[in-house]
Full PDB file with SEQRES, HELIX, SHEET, SSBOND, CRYST1, ORIGX, SCALE, CONECT and MASTER records, all heavy atoms in Angstrom:
SEQRES   1 A   38  ARG SER ARG ASP HIS THR ARG THR PRO MET GLN TRP ASN          
SEQRES   2 A   38  ASP GLU PRO TYR ALA GLY PHE SER ARG VAL ARG PRO TRP          
SEQRES   3 A   38  LEU PRO VAL ASN PRO ASN TYR ASP TRP LEU ASN VAL              
HELIX    1 AA1 ARG A    3  THR A    6  5                                   4    
HELIX    2 AA2 PRO A   16  GLY A   19  5                                   4    
HELIX    3 AA3 PRO A   31  ASP A   34  5                                   4    
CRYST1    1.000    1.000    1.000  90.00  90.00  90.00 P 1           1          
ORIGX1      1.000000  0.000000  0.000000        0.00000                         
ORIGX2      0.000000  1.000000  0.000000        0.00000                         
ORIGX3      0.000000  0.000000  1.000000        0.00000                         
SCALE1      1.000000  0.000000  0.000000        0.00000                         
SCALE2      0.000000  1.000000  0.000000        0.00000                         
SCALE3      0.000000  0.000000  1.000000        0.00000                         
ATOM      1  N   ARG A   1     -24.975  25.207-117.690  1.00  0.00           N  
ATOM      2  CA  ARG A   1     -25.773  25.123-118.906  1.00  0.00           C  
ATOM      3  C   ARG A   1     -25.371  26.057-120.045  1.00  0.00           C  
ATOM      4  O   ARG A   1     -25.930  25.970-121.136  1.00  0.00           O  
ATOM      5  CB  ARG A   1     -27.247  25.392-118.560  1.00  0.00           C  
ATOM      6  CG  ARG A   1     -27.843  24.346-117.626  1.00  0.00           C  
ATOM      7  CD  ARG A   1     -29.260  24.727-117.220  1.00  0.00           C  
ATOM      8  NE  ARG A   1     -29.858  23.729-116.340  1.00  0.00           N  
ATOM      9  CZ  ARG A   1     -30.574  22.700-116.752  1.00  0.00           C  
ATOM     10  NH1 ARG A   1     -30.789  22.526-118.039  1.00  0.00           N  
ATOM     11  NH2 ARG A   1     -31.084  21.832-115.893  1.00  0.00           N  
ATOM     12  N   SER A   2     -24.441  26.960-119.833  1.00  0.00           N  
ATOM     13  CA  SER A   2     -24.152  27.977-120.851  1.00  0.00           C  
ATOM     14  C   SER A   2     -23.687  27.390-122.181  1.00  0.00           C  
ATOM     15  O   SER A   2     -22.967  26.384-122.220  1.00  0.00           O  
ATOM     16  CB  SER A   2     -23.077  28.939-120.349  1.00  0.00           C  
ATOM     17  OG  SER A   2     -22.726  29.862-121.370  1.00  0.00           O  
ATOM     18  N   ARG A   3     -24.069  28.066-123.269  1.00  0.00           N  
ATOM     19  CA  ARG A   3     -23.579  27.698-124.601  1.00  0.00           C  
ATOM     20  C   ARG A   3     -22.089  28.001-124.738  1.00  0.00           C  
ATOM     21  O   ARG A   3     -21.423  27.463-125.633  1.00  0.00           O  
ATOM     22  CB  ARG A   3     -24.370  28.438-125.685  1.00  0.00           C  
ATOM     23  CG  ARG A   3     -25.857  28.159-125.647  1.00  0.00           C  
ATOM     24  CD  ARG A   3     -26.578  28.650-126.889  1.00  0.00           C  
ATOM     25  NE  ARG A   3     -26.476  30.087-127.095  1.00  0.00           N  
ATOM     26  CZ  ARG A   3     -27.064  30.726-128.114  1.00  0.00           C  
ATOM     27  NH1 ARG A   3     -27.785  30.051-128.988  1.00  0.00           N  
ATOM     28  NH2 ARG A   3     -26.943  32.030-128.249  1.00  0.00           N  
ATOM     29  N   ASP A   4     -21.562  28.884-123.895  1.00  0.00           N  
ATOM     30  CA  ASP A   4     -20.133  29.207-123.967  1.00  0.00           C  
ATOM     31  C   ASP A   4     -19.247  27.982-123.752  1.00  0.00           C  
ATOM     32  O   ASP A   4     -18.096  27.947-124.207  1.00  0.00           O  
ATOM     33  CB  ASP A   4     -19.768  30.262-122.917  1.00  0.00           C  
ATOM     34  CG  ASP A   4     -20.040  31.678-123.390  1.00  0.00           C  
ATOM     35  OD1 ASP A   4     -20.423  31.851-124.557  1.00  0.00           O  
ATOM     36  OD2 ASP A   4     -19.858  32.613-122.585  1.00  0.00           O  
ATOM     37  N   HIS A   5     -19.752  26.970-123.041  1.00  0.00           N  
ATOM     38  CA  HIS A   5     -18.919  25.818-122.700  1.00  0.00           C  
ATOM     39  C   HIS A   5     -18.406  25.092-123.940  1.00  0.00           C  
ATOM     40  O   HIS A   5     -17.288  24.559-123.943  1.00  0.00           O  
ATOM     41  CB  HIS A   5     -19.696  24.840-121.812  1.00  0.00           C  
ATOM     42  CG  HIS A   5     -20.007  25.386-120.459  1.00  0.00           C  
ATOM     43  ND1 HIS A   5     -19.052  25.932-119.632  1.00  0.00           N  
ATOM     44  CD2 HIS A   5     -21.194  25.490-119.786  1.00  0.00           C  
ATOM     45  CE1 HIS A   5     -19.624  26.331-118.504  1.00  0.00           C  
ATOM     46  NE2 HIS A   5     -20.921  26.075-118.570  1.00  0.00           N  
ATOM     47  N   THR A   6     -19.236  25.024-124.989  1.00  0.00           N  
ATOM     48  CA  THR A   6     -18.768  24.351-126.199  1.00  0.00           C  
ATOM     49  C   THR A   6     -18.149  25.333-127.195  1.00  0.00           C  
ATOM     50  O   THR A   6     -17.787  24.944-128.298  1.00  0.00           O  
ATOM     51  CB  THR A   6     -19.931  23.594-126.884  1.00  0.00           C  
ATOM     52  OG1 THR A   6     -21.100  24.416-126.898  1.00  0.00           O  
ATOM     53  CG2 THR A   6     -20.217  22.293-126.180  1.00  0.00           C  
ATOM     54  N   ARG A   7     -18.023  26.594-126.786  1.00  0.00           N  
ATOM     55  CA  ARG A   7     -17.451  27.607-127.669  1.00  0.00           C  
ATOM     56  C   ARG A   7     -16.054  28.034-127.234  1.00  0.00           C  
ATOM     57  O   ARG A   7     -15.442  28.893-127.864  1.00  0.00           O  
ATOM     58  CB  ARG A   7     -18.396  28.813-127.738  1.00  0.00           C  
ATOM     59  CG  ARG A   7     -19.766  28.425-128.279  1.00  0.00           C  
ATOM     60  CD  ARG A   7     -20.757  29.572-128.310  1.00  0.00           C  
ATOM     61  NE  ARG A   7     -22.061  29.106-128.808  1.00  0.00           N  
ATOM     62  CZ  ARG A   7     -23.080  29.903-129.099  1.00  0.00           C  
ATOM     63  NH1 ARG A   7     -22.966  31.208-128.935  1.00  0.00           N  
ATOM     64  NH2 ARG A   7     -24.211  29.393-129.545  1.00  0.00           N  
ATOM     65  N   THR A   8     -15.560  27.458-126.128  1.00  0.00           N  
ATOM     66  CA  THR A   8     -14.179  27.756-125.747  1.00  0.00           C  
ATOM     67  C   THR A   8     -13.236  27.173-126.795  1.00  0.00           C  
ATOM     68  O   THR A   8     -13.568  26.208-127.479  1.00  0.00           O  
ATOM     69  CB  THR A   8     -13.845  27.174-124.361  1.00  0.00           C  
ATOM     70  OG1 THR A   8     -14.023  25.747-124.398  1.00  0.00           O  
ATOM     71  CG2 THR A   8     -14.724  27.776-123.273  1.00  0.00           C  
ATOM     72  N   PRO A   9     -12.056  27.771-126.959  1.00  0.00           N  
ATOM     73  CA  PRO A   9     -11.144  27.325-128.017  1.00  0.00           C  
ATOM     74  C   PRO A   9     -10.781  25.838-127.933  1.00  0.00           C  
ATOM     75  O   PRO A   9     -10.624  25.274-126.843  1.00  0.00           O  
ATOM     76  CB  PRO A   9      -9.908  28.207-127.807  1.00  0.00           C  
ATOM     77  CG  PRO A   9     -10.474  29.475-127.229  1.00  0.00           C  
ATOM     78  CD  PRO A   9     -11.577  29.010-126.310  1.00  0.00           C  
ATOM     79  N   MET A  10     -10.646  25.248-129.102  1.00  0.00           N  
ATOM     80  CA  MET A  10     -10.217  23.850-129.219  1.00  0.00           C  
ATOM     81  C   MET A  10      -8.848  23.683-128.573  1.00  0.00           C  
ATOM     82  O   MET A  10      -7.950  24.528-128.733  1.00  0.00           O  
ATOM     83  CB  MET A  10     -10.162  23.479-130.705  1.00  0.00           C  
ATOM     84  CG  MET A  10      -9.739  22.074-130.992  1.00  0.00           C  
ATOM     85  SD  MET A  10     -11.032  20.888-130.560  1.00  0.00           S  
ATOM     86  CE  MET A  10     -10.228  19.360-131.091  1.00  0.00           C  
ATOM     87  N   GLN A  11      -8.696  22.578-127.835  1.00  0.00           N  
ATOM     88  CA  GLN A  11      -7.470  22.339-127.065  1.00  0.00           C  
ATOM     89  C   GLN A  11      -6.543  21.397-127.830  1.00  0.00           C  
ATOM     90  O   GLN A  11      -6.679  20.177-127.774  1.00  0.00           O  
ATOM     91  CB  GLN A  11      -7.853  21.802-125.681  1.00  0.00           C  
ATOM     92  CG  GLN A  11      -8.613  22.850-124.875  1.00  0.00           C  
ATOM     93  CD  GLN A  11      -9.340  22.336-123.654  1.00  0.00           C  
ATOM     94  OE1 GLN A  11     -10.354  22.904-123.246  1.00  0.00           O  
ATOM     95  NE2 GLN A  11      -8.850  21.264-123.046  1.00  0.00           N  
ATOM     96  N   TRP A  12      -5.584  22.004-128.545  1.00  0.00           N  
ATOM     97  CA  TRP A  12      -4.700  21.231-129.417  1.00  0.00           C  
ATOM     98  C   TRP A  12      -3.466  20.702-128.694  1.00  0.00           C  
ATOM     99  O   TRP A  12      -3.004  19.590-128.969  1.00  0.00           O  
ATOM    100  CB  TRP A  12      -4.270  22.081-130.613  1.00  0.00           C  
ATOM    101  CG  TRP A  12      -5.407  22.442-131.510  1.00  0.00           C  
ATOM    102  CD1 TRP A  12      -6.051  23.638-131.611  1.00  0.00           C  
ATOM    103  CD2 TRP A  12      -6.073  21.557-132.430  1.00  0.00           C  
ATOM    104  NE1 TRP A  12      -7.070  23.570-132.531  1.00  0.00           N  
ATOM    105  CE2 TRP A  12      -7.111  22.308-133.054  1.00  0.00           C  
ATOM    106  CE3 TRP A  12      -5.904  20.224-132.793  1.00  0.00           C  
ATOM    107  CZ2 TRP A  12      -7.959  21.763-134.015  1.00  0.00           C  
ATOM    108  CZ3 TRP A  12      -6.746  19.677-133.739  1.00  0.00           C  
ATOM    109  CH2 TRP A  12      -7.757  20.434-134.347  1.00  0.00           C  
ATOM    110  N   ASN A  13      -2.910  21.496-127.765  1.00  0.00           N  
ATOM    111  CA  ASN A  13      -1.705  21.061-127.045  1.00  0.00           C  
ATOM    112  C   ASN A  13      -1.602  21.833-125.734  1.00  0.00           C  
ATOM    113  O   ASN A  13      -2.533  22.558-125.357  1.00  0.00           O  
ATOM    114  CB  ASN A  13      -0.446  21.247-127.909  1.00  0.00           C  
ATOM    115  CG  ASN A  13      -0.294  22.679-128.413  1.00  0.00           C  
ATOM    116  OD1 ASN A  13      -0.502  23.639-127.672  1.00  0.00           O  
ATOM    117  ND2 ASN A  13       0.061  22.826-129.689  1.00  0.00           N  
ATOM    118  N   ASP A  14      -0.474  21.690-125.033  1.00  0.00           N  
ATOM    119  CA  ASP A  14      -0.331  22.331-123.724  1.00  0.00           C  
ATOM    120  C   ASP A  14       0.440  23.642-123.800  1.00  0.00           C  
ATOM    121  O   ASP A  14       0.862  24.187-122.772  1.00  0.00           O  
ATOM    122  CB  ASP A  14       0.330  21.376-122.731  1.00  0.00           C  
ATOM    123  CG  ASP A  14       1.745  20.964-123.152  1.00  0.00           C  
ATOM    124  OD1 ASP A  14       2.212  21.412-124.229  1.00  0.00           O  
ATOM    125  OD2 ASP A  14       2.383  20.199-122.409  1.00  0.00           O  
ATOM    126  N   GLU A  15       0.638  24.179-125.002  1.00  0.00           N  
ATOM    127  CA  GLU A  15       1.267  25.488-125.146  1.00  0.00           C  
ATOM    128  C   GLU A  15       0.282  26.574-124.714  1.00  0.00           C  
ATOM    129  O   GLU A  15      -0.924  26.321-124.582  1.00  0.00           O  
ATOM    130  CB  GLU A  15       1.698  25.703-126.598  1.00  0.00           C  
ATOM    131  CG  GLU A  15       2.768  24.731-127.067  1.00  0.00           C  
ATOM    132  CD  GLU A  15       3.050  24.848-128.564  1.00  0.00           C  
ATOM    133  OE1 GLU A  15       2.504  25.782-129.202  1.00  0.00           O  
ATOM    134  OE2 GLU A  15       3.796  24.006-129.086  1.00  0.00           O  
ATOM    135  N   PRO A  16       0.760  27.805-124.491  1.00  0.00           N  
ATOM    136  CA  PRO A  16      -0.163  28.881-124.111  1.00  0.00           C  
ATOM    137  C   PRO A  16      -1.326  28.983-125.090  1.00  0.00           C  
ATOM    138  O   PRO A  16      -1.145  28.865-126.302  1.00  0.00           O  
ATOM    139  CB  PRO A  16       0.730  30.130-124.159  1.00  0.00           C  
ATOM    140  CG  PRO A  16       2.107  29.615-123.870  1.00  0.00           C  
ATOM    141  CD  PRO A  16       2.167  28.264-124.514  1.00  0.00           C  
ATOM    142  N   TYR A  17      -2.519  29.184-124.545  1.00  0.00           N  
ATOM    143  CA  TYR A  17      -3.759  29.266-125.315  1.00  0.00           C  
ATOM    144  C   TYR A  17      -4.074  27.966-126.050  1.00  0.00           C  
ATOM    145  O   TYR A  17      -4.762  27.948-127.064  1.00  0.00           O  
ATOM    146  CB  TYR A  17      -3.738  30.452-126.280  1.00  0.00           C  
ATOM    147  CG  TYR A  17      -3.322  31.744-125.618  1.00  0.00           C  
ATOM    148  CD1 TYR A  17      -2.223  32.467-126.076  1.00  0.00           C  
ATOM    149  CD2 TYR A  17      -4.024  32.229-124.509  1.00  0.00           C  
ATOM    150  CE1 TYR A  17      -1.830  33.639-125.445  1.00  0.00           C  
ATOM    151  CE2 TYR A  17      -3.635  33.406-123.882  1.00  0.00           C  
ATOM    152  CZ  TYR A  17      -2.536  34.106-124.350  1.00  0.00           C  
ATOM    153  OH  TYR A  17      -2.148  35.273-123.723  1.00  0.00           O  
ATOM    154  N   ALA A  18      -3.560  26.858-125.516  1.00  0.00           N  
ATOM    155  CA  ALA A  18      -3.910  25.507-125.971  1.00  0.00           C  
ATOM    156  C   ALA A  18      -3.564  25.243-127.430  1.00  0.00           C  
ATOM    157  O   ALA A  18      -4.122  24.344-128.051  1.00  0.00           O  
ATOM    158  CB  ALA A  18      -5.401  25.239-125.733  1.00  0.00           C  
ATOM    159  N   GLY A  19      -2.625  26.023-128.002  1.00  0.00           N  
ATOM    160  CA  GLY A  19      -2.255  25.816-129.396  1.00  0.00           C  
ATOM    161  C   GLY A  19      -3.302  26.322-130.371  1.00  0.00           C  
ATOM    162  O   GLY A  19      -3.134  26.201-131.585  1.00  0.00           O  
ATOM    163  N   PHE A  20      -4.392  26.906-129.844  1.00  0.00           N  
ATOM    164  CA  PHE A  20      -5.425  27.475-130.712  1.00  0.00           C  
ATOM    165  C   PHE A  20      -4.900  28.737-131.398  1.00  0.00           C  
ATOM    166  O   PHE A  20      -5.163  28.982-132.576  1.00  0.00           O  
ATOM    167  CB  PHE A  20      -6.668  27.805-129.877  1.00  0.00           C  
ATOM    168  CG  PHE A  20      -7.636  28.742-130.545  1.00  0.00           C  
ATOM    169  CD1 PHE A  20      -8.476  28.285-131.547  1.00  0.00           C  
ATOM    170  CD2 PHE A  20      -7.699  30.085-130.177  1.00  0.00           C  
ATOM    171  CE1 PHE A  20      -9.362  29.147-132.187  1.00  0.00           C  
ATOM    172  CE2 PHE A  20      -8.588  30.957-130.803  1.00  0.00           C  
ATOM    173  CZ  PHE A  20      -9.416  30.485-131.807  1.00  0.00           C  
ATOM    174  N   SER A  21      -4.158  29.545-130.658  1.00  0.00           N  
ATOM    175  CA  SER A  21      -3.624  30.804-131.161  1.00  0.00           C  
ATOM    176  C   SER A  21      -2.375  31.143-130.362  1.00  0.00           C  
ATOM    177  O   SER A  21      -2.110  30.538-129.316  1.00  0.00           O  
ATOM    178  CB  SER A  21      -4.671  31.915-131.000  1.00  0.00           C  
ATOM    179  OG  SER A  21      -4.182  33.161-131.436  1.00  0.00           O  
ATOM    180  N   ARG A  22      -1.619  32.136-130.858  1.00  0.00           N  
ATOM    181  CA  ARG A  22      -0.464  32.611-130.097  1.00  0.00           C  
ATOM    182  C   ARG A  22      -0.769  33.905-129.358  1.00  0.00           C  
ATOM    183  O   ARG A  22       0.116  34.491-128.738  1.00  0.00           O  
ATOM    184  CB  ARG A  22       0.744  32.796-131.029  1.00  0.00           C  
ATOM    185  CG  ARG A  22       1.339  31.469-131.497  1.00  0.00           C  
ATOM    186  CD  ARG A  22       2.590  31.637-132.306  1.00  0.00           C  
ATOM    187  NE  ARG A  22       2.299  32.213-133.620  1.00  0.00           N  
ATOM    188  CZ  ARG A  22       3.190  32.306-134.611  1.00  0.00           C  
ATOM    189  NH1 ARG A  22       4.434  31.874-134.422  1.00  0.00           N  
ATOM    190  NH2 ARG A  22       2.863  32.845-135.766  1.00  0.00           N  
ATOM    191  N   VAL A  23      -2.029  34.350-129.442  1.00  0.00           N  
ATOM    192  CA  VAL A  23      -2.474  35.522-128.689  1.00  0.00           C  
ATOM    193  C   VAL A  23      -3.724  35.153-127.903  1.00  0.00           C  
ATOM    194  O   VAL A  23      -4.318  34.098-128.114  1.00  0.00           O  
ATOM    195  CB  VAL A  23      -2.777  36.717-129.633  1.00  0.00           C  
ATOM    196  CG1 VAL A  23      -1.548  37.084-130.451  1.00  0.00           C  
ATOM    197  CG2 VAL A  23      -3.952  36.403-130.560  1.00  0.00           C  
ATOM    198  N   ARG A  24      -4.130  36.048-127.011  1.00  0.00           N  
ATOM    199  CA  ARG A  24      -5.292  35.783-126.171  1.00  0.00           C  
ATOM    200  C   ARG A  24      -6.538  35.579-127.044  1.00  0.00           C  
ATOM    201  O   ARG A  24      -6.894  36.453-127.837  1.00  0.00           O  
ATOM    202  CB  ARG A  24      -5.516  36.933-125.196  1.00  0.00           C  
ATOM    203  CG  ARG A  24      -6.640  36.688-124.186  1.00  0.00           C  
ATOM    204  CD  ARG A  24      -6.846  37.896-123.302  1.00  0.00           C  
ATOM    205  NE  ARG A  24      -5.634  38.207-122.565  1.00  0.00           N  
ATOM    206  CZ  ARG A  24      -5.255  37.627-121.428  1.00  0.00           C  
ATOM    207  NH1 ARG A  24      -6.021  36.685-120.901  1.00  0.00           N  
ATOM    208  NH2 ARG A  24      -4.138  37.972-120.821  1.00  0.00           N  
ATOM    209  N   PRO A  25      -7.223  34.444-126.920  1.00  0.00           N  
ATOM    210  CA  PRO A  25      -8.395  34.182-127.759  1.00  0.00           C  
ATOM    211  C   PRO A  25      -9.596  35.057-127.379  1.00  0.00           C  
ATOM    212  O   PRO A  25      -9.652  35.622-126.284  1.00  0.00           O  
ATOM    213  CB  PRO A  25      -8.709  32.707-127.497  1.00  0.00           C  
ATOM    214  CG  PRO A  25      -7.495  32.150-126.834  1.00  0.00           C  
ATOM    215  CD  PRO A  25      -6.877  33.286-126.091  1.00  0.00           C  
ATOM    216  N   TRP A  26     -10.569  35.085-128.274  1.00  0.00           N  
ATOM    217  CA  TRP A  26     -11.788  35.871-128.059  1.00  0.00           C  
ATOM    218  C   TRP A  26     -12.581  35.397-126.853  1.00  0.00           C  
ATOM    219  O   TRP A  26     -13.279  36.166-126.203  1.00  0.00           O  
ATOM    220  CB  TRP A  26     -12.672  35.819-129.314  1.00  0.00           C  
ATOM    221  CG  TRP A  26     -13.342  34.488-129.530  1.00  0.00           C  
ATOM    222  CD1 TRP A  26     -12.781  33.380-130.096  1.00  0.00           C  
ATOM    223  CD2 TRP A  26     -14.681  34.133-129.176  1.00  0.00           C  
ATOM    224  NE1 TRP A  26     -13.694  32.338-130.114  1.00  0.00           N  
ATOM    225  CE2 TRP A  26     -14.875  32.779-129.563  1.00  0.00           C  
ATOM    226  CE3 TRP A  26     -15.744  34.810-128.599  1.00  0.00           C  
ATOM    227  CZ2 TRP A  26     -16.068  32.102-129.372  1.00  0.00           C  
ATOM    228  CZ3 TRP A  26     -16.956  34.138-128.395  1.00  0.00           C  
ATOM    229  CH2 TRP A  26     -17.099  32.800-128.790  1.00  0.00           C  
ATOM    230  N   LEU A  27     -12.442  34.106-126.508  1.00  0.00           N  
ATOM    231  CA  LEU A  27     -13.081  33.523-125.340  1.00  0.00           C  
ATOM    232  C   LEU A  27     -12.008  32.732-124.592  1.00  0.00           C  
ATOM    233  O   LEU A  27     -11.238  32.000-125.222  1.00  0.00           O  
ATOM    234  CB  LEU A  27     -14.232  32.595-125.772  1.00  0.00           C  
ATOM    235  CG  LEU A  27     -15.270  32.188-124.733  1.00  0.00           C  
ATOM    236  CD1 LEU A  27     -16.048  33.400-124.236  1.00  0.00           C  
ATOM    237  CD2 LEU A  27     -16.251  31.163-125.323  1.00  0.00           C  
ATOM    238  N   PRO A  28     -11.897  32.888-123.268  1.00  0.00           N  
ATOM    239  CA  PRO A  28     -10.810  32.219-122.558  1.00  0.00           C  
ATOM    240  C   PRO A  28     -10.801  30.701-122.729  1.00  0.00           C  
ATOM    241  O   PRO A  28     -11.854  30.065-122.808  1.00  0.00           O  
ATOM    242  CB  PRO A  28     -11.074  32.595-121.092  1.00  0.00           C  
ATOM    243  CG  PRO A  28     -11.849  33.873-121.158  1.00  0.00           C  
ATOM    244  CD  PRO A  28     -12.713  33.748-122.386  1.00  0.00           C  
ATOM    245  N   VAL A  29      -9.616  30.146-122.772  1.00  0.00           N  
ATOM    246  CA  VAL A  29      -9.428  28.704-122.887  1.00  0.00           C  
ATOM    247  C   VAL A  29      -9.750  28.038-121.549  1.00  0.00           C  
ATOM    248  O   VAL A  29      -9.532  28.618-120.483  1.00  0.00           O  
ATOM    249  CB  VAL A  29      -7.961  28.401-123.281  1.00  0.00           C  
ATOM    250  CG1 VAL A  29      -7.699  26.900-123.314  1.00  0.00           C  
ATOM    251  CG2 VAL A  29      -7.638  29.022-124.627  1.00  0.00           C  
ATOM    252  N   ASN A  30     -10.278  26.822-121.607  1.00  0.00           N  
ATOM    253  CA  ASN A  30     -10.498  26.046-120.394  1.00  0.00           C  
ATOM    254  C   ASN A  30      -9.142  25.779-119.728  1.00  0.00           C  
ATOM    255  O   ASN A  30      -8.214  25.292-120.387  1.00  0.00           O  
ATOM    256  CB  ASN A  30     -11.183  24.718-120.751  1.00  0.00           C  
ATOM    257  CG  ASN A  30     -11.700  23.987-119.529  1.00  0.00           C  
ATOM    258  OD1 ASN A  30     -11.060  23.935-118.490  1.00  0.00           O  
ATOM    259  ND2 ASN A  30     -12.882  23.411-119.655  1.00  0.00           N  
ATOM    260  N   PRO A  31      -8.990  26.076-118.430  1.00  0.00           N  
ATOM    261  CA  PRO A  31      -7.692  25.887-117.768  1.00  0.00           C  
ATOM    262  C   PRO A  31      -7.169  24.453-117.807  1.00  0.00           C  
ATOM    263  O   PRO A  31      -5.964  24.237-117.601  1.00  0.00           O  
ATOM    264  CB  PRO A  31      -7.975  26.329-116.320  1.00  0.00           C  
ATOM    265  CG  PRO A  31      -9.157  27.240-116.414  1.00  0.00           C  
ATOM    266  CD  PRO A  31      -9.988  26.690-117.539  1.00  0.00           C  
ATOM    267  N   ASN A  32      -8.032  23.465-118.072  1.00  0.00           N  
ATOM    268  CA  ASN A  32      -7.554  22.078-118.075  1.00  0.00           C  
ATOM    269  C   ASN A  32      -6.830  21.699-119.362  1.00  0.00           C  
ATOM    270  O   ASN A  32      -6.469  20.535-119.561  1.00  0.00           O  
ATOM    271  CB  ASN A  32      -8.691  21.094-117.787  1.00  0.00           C  
ATOM    272  CG  ASN A  32      -9.755  21.049-118.884  1.00  0.00           C  
ATOM    273  OD1 ASN A  32      -9.563  21.586-119.979  1.00  0.00           O  
ATOM    274  ND2 ASN A  32     -10.870  20.398-118.599  1.00  0.00           N  
ATOM    275  N   TYR A  33      -6.595  22.676-120.255  1.00  0.00           N  
ATOM    276  CA  TYR A  33      -5.929  22.378-121.528  1.00  0.00           C  
ATOM    277  C   TYR A  33      -4.523  21.823-121.336  1.00  0.00           C  
ATOM    278  O   TYR A  33      -3.980  21.149-122.227  1.00  0.00           O  
ATOM    279  CB  TYR A  33      -5.870  23.633-122.407  1.00  0.00           C  
ATOM    280  CG  TYR A  33      -4.807  24.633-122.002  1.00  0.00           C  
ATOM    281  CD1 TYR A  33      -3.505  24.539-122.510  1.00  0.00           C  
ATOM    282  CD2 TYR A  33      -5.081  25.661-121.108  1.00  0.00           C  
ATOM    283  CE1 TYR A  33      -2.523  25.453-122.133  1.00  0.00           C  
ATOM    284  CE2 TYR A  33      -4.108  26.569-120.730  1.00  0.00           C  
ATOM    285  CZ  TYR A  33      -2.828  26.456-121.245  1.00  0.00           C  
ATOM    286  OH  TYR A  33      -1.854  27.354-120.874  1.00  0.00           O  
ATOM    287  N   ASP A  34      -3.901  22.092-120.167  1.00  0.00           N  
ATOM    288  CA  ASP A  34      -2.524  21.653-119.987  1.00  0.00           C  
ATOM    289  C   ASP A  34      -2.397  20.132-119.938  1.00  0.00           C  
ATOM    290  O   ASP A  34      -1.320  19.582-120.197  1.00  0.00           O  
ATOM    291  CB  ASP A  34      -1.905  22.277-118.730  1.00  0.00           C  
ATOM    292  CG  ASP A  34      -2.679  21.950-117.460  1.00  0.00           C  
ATOM    293  OD1 ASP A  34      -3.832  21.479-117.554  1.00  0.00           O  
ATOM    294  OD2 ASP A  34      -2.127  22.179-116.366  1.00  0.00           O  
ATOM    295  N   TRP A  35      -3.508  19.444-119.629  1.00  0.00           N  
ATOM    296  CA  TRP A  35      -3.462  17.971-119.655  1.00  0.00           C  
ATOM    297  C   TRP A  35      -4.501  17.364-120.601  1.00  0.00           C  
ATOM    298  O   TRP A  35      -4.342  16.244-121.076  1.00  0.00           O  
ATOM    299  CB  TRP A  35      -3.651  17.388-118.252  1.00  0.00           C  
ATOM    300  CG  TRP A  35      -4.969  17.720-117.610  1.00  0.00           C  
ATOM    301  CD1 TRP A  35      -5.261  18.785-116.831  1.00  0.00           C  
ATOM    302  CD2 TRP A  35      -6.198  16.968-117.713  1.00  0.00           C  
ATOM    303  NE1 TRP A  35      -6.585  18.766-116.431  1.00  0.00           N  
ATOM    304  CE2 TRP A  35      -7.180  17.657-116.954  1.00  0.00           C  
ATOM    305  CE3 TRP A  35      -6.552  15.785-118.356  1.00  0.00           C  
ATOM    306  CZ2 TRP A  35      -8.499  17.204-116.833  1.00  0.00           C  
ATOM    307  CZ3 TRP A  35      -7.862  15.331-118.240  1.00  0.00           C  
ATOM    308  CH2 TRP A  35      -8.810  16.023-117.490  1.00  0.00           C  
ATOM    309  N   LEU A  36      -5.573  18.119-120.892  1.00  0.00           N  
ATOM    310  CA  LEU A  36      -6.617  17.601-121.770  1.00  0.00           C  
ATOM    311  C   LEU A  36      -6.471  18.290-123.128  1.00  0.00           C  
ATOM    312  O   LEU A  36      -6.932  19.412-123.331  1.00  0.00           O  
ATOM    313  CB  LEU A  36      -8.009  17.894-121.172  1.00  0.00           C  
ATOM    314  CG  LEU A  36      -9.180  17.019-121.641  1.00  0.00           C  
ATOM    315  CD1 LEU A  36     -10.406  17.258-120.769  1.00  0.00           C  
ATOM    316  CD2 LEU A  36      -9.531  17.226-123.095  1.00  0.00           C  
ATOM    317  N   ASN A  37      -5.789  17.608-124.040  1.00  0.00           N  
ATOM    318  CA  ASN A  37      -5.554  18.196-125.360  1.00  0.00           C  
ATOM    319  C   ASN A  37      -5.277  17.100-126.392  1.00  0.00           C  
ATOM    320  O   ASN A  37      -5.011  15.944-126.034  1.00  0.00           O  
ATOM    321  CB  ASN A  37      -4.416  19.217-125.322  1.00  0.00           C  
ATOM    322  CG  ASN A  37      -3.099  18.623-124.858  1.00  0.00           C  
ATOM    323  OD1 ASN A  37      -2.485  17.826-125.566  1.00  0.00           O  
ATOM    324  ND2 ASN A  37      -2.651  19.005-123.663  1.00  0.00           N  
ATOM    325  N   VAL A  38      -5.352  17.463-127.642  1.00  0.00           N  
ATOM    326  CA  VAL A  38      -5.168  16.502-128.741  1.00  0.00           C  
ATOM    327  C   VAL A  38      -3.779  15.881-128.704  1.00  0.00           C  
ATOM    328  O   VAL A  38      -3.627  14.654-128.834  1.00  0.00           O  
ATOM    329  CB  VAL A  38      -5.420  17.191-130.103  1.00  0.00           C  
ATOM    330  CG1 VAL A  38      -5.007  16.257-131.254  1.00  0.00           C  
ATOM    331  CG2 VAL A  38      -6.879  17.594-130.250  1.00  0.00           C  
TER     332      VAL A  38                                                      
MASTER        0    0    0    3    0    0    0    6  331    1    0    3          
END                                                                             
């Protein structure tokens, strides 16, 4: 139920940190970003 679930970084691609950033984001990326991404 946590609100954090919709606050994880947007998953743009399968690069590190899902293409959201090139550094560690403020909130960890969902590990499924490697296949679930734009």
